Amino acid sequence: MAKTNTNTESRLDAKVPAGPIAEKWDNHRFSIRLVNPANKRKYRIIVVGTGLAGGSAAATLGELG
């Protein structure tokens, strides 16, 4: 029989920024660190979407190498 873990410590951390909901994106955007160009090969980005938005994002990221 499989055990069910009811411990609250096993929950996923959504890492939602603190503050009012209207300011959460701005708080997150200004608190994240930038990626050093020397380390950009460590990250992979998947662009999901088609049309102008997806094509533009893919082209912009493609130019960056």
N, C-alpha and C. Protein backbone atom coordinates (compact mmCIF):
# COMPACT_ATOMS: atom_id res chain seq x y z
N MET A 1 0.84 -1.17 0.00
CA MET A 1 0.00 0.00 0.00
C MET A 1 0.90 1.24 0.00
N ALA A 2 0.61 2.21 -0.84
CA ALA A 2 1.42 3.42 -0.94
C ALA A 2 1.12 4.36 0.22
N LYS A 3 2.19 4.96 0.71
CA LYS A 3 2.03 5.93 1.80
C LYS A 3 1.68 7.30 1.21
N THR A 4 0.82 8.01 1.87
CA THR A 4 0.48 9.37 1.47
C THR A 4 1.18 10.32 2.41
N ASN A 5 1.95 11.22 1.85
CA ASN A 5 2.69 12.18 2.66
C ASN A 5 1.77 13.36 2.98
N THR A 6 1.40 13.50 4.23
CA THR A 6 0.53 14.59 4.64
C THR A 6 1.31 15.72 5.28
N ASN A 7 2.62 15.65 5.22
CA ASN A 7 3.46 16.67 5.81
C ASN A 7 3.36 17.96 4.99
N THR A 8 3.16 19.09 5.66
CA THR A 8 3.00 20.36 4.94
C THR A 8 4.32 20.87 4.40
N GLU A 9 5.45 20.31 4.82
CA GLU A 9 6.75 20.75 4.33
C GLU A 9 7.01 20.27 2.90
N SER A 10 6.24 19.34 2.39
CA SER A 10 6.48 18.80 1.07
C SER A 10 5.75 19.57 -0.03
N ARG A 11 5.12 20.67 0.31
CA ARG A 11 4.41 21.45 -0.70
C ARG A 11 5.39 22.21 -1.59
N LEU A 12 4.97 22.45 -2.81
CA LEU A 12 5.79 23.22 -3.73
C LEU A 12 5.81 24.69 -3.33
N ASP A 13 6.96 25.31 -3.51
CA ASP A 13 7.09 26.74 -3.22
C ASP A 13 6.91 27.49 -4.53
N ALA A 14 5.84 28.26 -4.67
CA ALA A 14 5.56 28.99 -5.90
C ALA A 14 6.46 30.20 -6.06
N LYS A 15 7.13 30.63 -5.01
CA LYS A 15 8.04 31.78 -5.02
C LYS A 15 7.34 33.04 -5.54
N VAL A 16 6.13 33.26 -5.07
CA VAL A 16 5.37 34.44 -5.44
C VAL A 16 5.92 35.62 -4.65
N PRO A 17 6.25 36.73 -5.32
CA PRO A 17 6.80 37.89 -4.61
C PRO A 17 5.79 38.46 -3.61
N ALA A 18 6.33 39.07 -2.58
CA ALA A 18 5.49 39.68 -1.56
C ALA A 18 4.91 41.00 -2.06
N GLY A 19 3.85 41.44 -1.44
CA GLY A 19 3.27 42.73 -1.76
C GLY A 19 1.90 42.60 -2.41
N PRO A 20 1.29 43.76 -2.69
CA PRO A 20 -0.03 43.75 -3.33
C PRO A 20 0.03 43.13 -4.72
N ILE A 21 -1.07 42.52 -5.13
CA ILE A 21 -1.09 41.80 -6.41
C ILE A 21 -0.81 42.72 -7.60
N ALA A 22 -1.17 43.97 -7.50
CA ALA A 22 -0.94 44.90 -8.60
C ALA A 22 0.54 45.22 -8.78
N GLU A 23 1.35 45.00 -7.75
CA GLU A 23 2.78 45.34 -7.81
C GLU A 23 3.69 44.12 -7.83
N LYS A 24 3.14 42.91 -7.84
CA LYS A 24 3.96 41.70 -7.77
C LYS A 24 4.91 41.56 -8.95
N TRP A 25 4.45 41.82 -10.17
CA TRP A 25 5.31 41.67 -11.34
C TRP A 25 6.44 42.68 -11.30
N ASP A 26 6.14 43.94 -10.94
CA ASP A 26 7.20 44.95 -10.86
C ASP A 26 8.21 44.59 -9.78
N ASN A 27 7.74 44.11 -8.63
CA ASN A 27 8.66 43.69 -7.56
C ASN A 27 9.57 42.57 -8.04
N HIS A 28 9.02 41.60 -8.75
CA HIS A 28 9.82 40.48 -9.24
C HIS A 28 10.81 40.94 -10.31
N ARG A 29 10.34 41.76 -11.22
CA ARG A 29 11.19 42.20 -12.33
C ARG A 29 12.39 42.99 -11.86
N PHE A 30 12.22 43.81 -10.83
CA PHE A 30 13.32 44.63 -10.36
C PHE A 30 14.20 43.93 -9.33
N SER A 31 13.78 42.75 -8.84
CA SER A 31 14.59 42.06 -7.84
C SER A 31 15.41 40.90 -8.42
N ILE A 32 15.12 40.46 -9.67
CA ILE A 32 15.87 39.35 -10.24
C ILE A 32 17.24 39.81 -10.71
N ARG A 33 18.16 38.86 -10.75
CA ARG A 33 19.51 39.16 -11.20
C ARG A 33 19.61 38.96 -12.71
N LEU A 34 20.48 39.72 -13.35
CA LEU A 34 20.69 39.58 -14.79
C LEU A 34 21.62 38.40 -15.06
N VAL A 35 21.53 37.84 -16.26
CA VAL A 35 22.39 36.73 -16.65
C VAL A 35 23.64 37.31 -17.29
N ASN A 36 24.78 36.89 -16.78
CA ASN A 36 26.05 37.32 -17.33
C ASN A 36 26.20 36.73 -18.73
N PRO A 37 26.63 37.53 -19.72
CA PRO A 37 26.78 36.98 -21.08
C PRO A 37 27.71 35.77 -21.15
N ALA A 38 28.68 35.68 -20.26
CA ALA A 38 29.58 34.53 -20.26
C ALA A 38 28.87 33.26 -19.80
N ASN A 39 27.80 33.41 -19.03
CA ASN A 39 27.08 32.25 -18.50
C ASN A 39 25.78 31.96 -19.25
N LYS A 40 25.50 32.67 -20.33
CA LYS A 40 24.20 32.49 -20.98
C LYS A 40 24.05 31.13 -21.65
N ARG A 41 25.14 30.43 -21.91
CA ARG A 41 25.05 29.10 -22.51
C ARG A 41 24.53 28.06 -21.52
N LYS A 42 24.49 28.39 -20.24
CA LYS A 42 23.99 27.46 -19.23
C LYS A 42 22.47 27.37 -19.24
N TYR A 43 21.80 28.32 -19.87
CA TYR A 43 20.34 28.39 -19.83
C TYR A 43 19.75 28.04 -21.18
N ARG A 44 18.62 27.37 -21.15
CA ARG A 44 17.89 27.06 -22.38
C ARG A 44 16.52 27.72 -22.27
N ILE A 45 16.10 28.33 -23.35
CA ILE A 45 14.82 29.03 -23.37
C ILE A 45 13.95 28.39 -24.44
N ILE A 46 12.74 28.08 -24.08
CA ILE A 46 11.77 27.52 -25.02
C ILE A 46 10.71 28.59 -25.25
N VAL A 47 10.53 29.00 -26.48
CA VAL A 47 9.51 29.99 -26.83
C VAL A 47 8.26 29.24 -27.24
N VAL A 48 7.19 29.47 -26.50
CA VAL A 48 5.91 28.83 -26.80
C VAL A 48 4.99 29.87 -27.39
N GLY A 49 4.57 29.66 -28.60
CA GLY A 49 3.67 30.60 -29.25
C GLY A 49 3.96 30.67 -30.73
N THR A 50 2.98 31.11 -31.45
CA THR A 50 3.14 31.25 -32.89
C THR A 50 2.73 32.65 -33.27
N GLY A 51 2.89 32.96 -34.51
CA GLY A 51 2.50 34.27 -34.99
C GLY A 51 3.58 35.31 -34.74
N LEU A 52 3.17 36.55 -34.68
CA LEU A 52 4.13 37.64 -34.56
C LEU A 52 4.88 37.62 -33.24
N ALA A 53 4.21 37.34 -32.15
CA ALA A 53 4.86 37.36 -30.84
C ALA A 53 5.91 36.26 -30.71
N GLY A 54 5.54 35.04 -31.06
CA GLY A 54 6.48 33.93 -30.98
C GLY A 54 7.62 34.07 -31.95
N GLY A 55 7.33 34.51 -33.17
CA GLY A 55 8.37 34.70 -34.17
C GLY A 55 9.34 35.81 -33.78
N SER A 56 8.80 36.87 -33.23
CA SER A 56 9.65 37.98 -32.80
C SER A 56 10.55 37.58 -31.65
N ALA A 57 10.00 36.86 -30.67
CA ALA A 57 10.81 36.42 -29.53
C ALA A 57 11.89 35.46 -29.98
N ALA A 58 11.55 34.52 -30.85
CA ALA A 58 12.54 33.56 -31.33
C ALA A 58 13.64 34.24 -32.15
N ALA A 59 13.27 35.21 -32.98
CA ALA A 59 14.26 35.93 -33.77
C ALA A 59 15.19 36.75 -32.90
N THR A 60 14.64 37.42 -31.90
CA THR A 60 15.44 38.25 -31.00
C THR A 60 16.42 37.38 -30.22
N LEU A 61 15.94 36.26 -29.67
CA LEU A 61 16.83 35.39 -28.91
C LEU A 61 17.85 34.71 -29.82
N GLY A 62 17.47 34.43 -31.05
CA GLY A 62 18.39 33.83 -32.00
C GLY A 62 19.55 34.75 -32.35
N GLU A 63 19.27 36.04 -32.43
CA GLU A 63 20.33 37.00 -32.73
C GLU A 63 21.33 37.11 -31.58
N LEU A 64 20.86 36.87 -30.37
CA LEU A 64 21.76 36.95 -29.21
C LEU A 64 22.72 35.78 -29.14
N GLY A 65 22.40 34.72 -29.85
CA GLY A 65 23.30 33.55 -29.87
C GLY A 65 22.87 32.58 -28.88
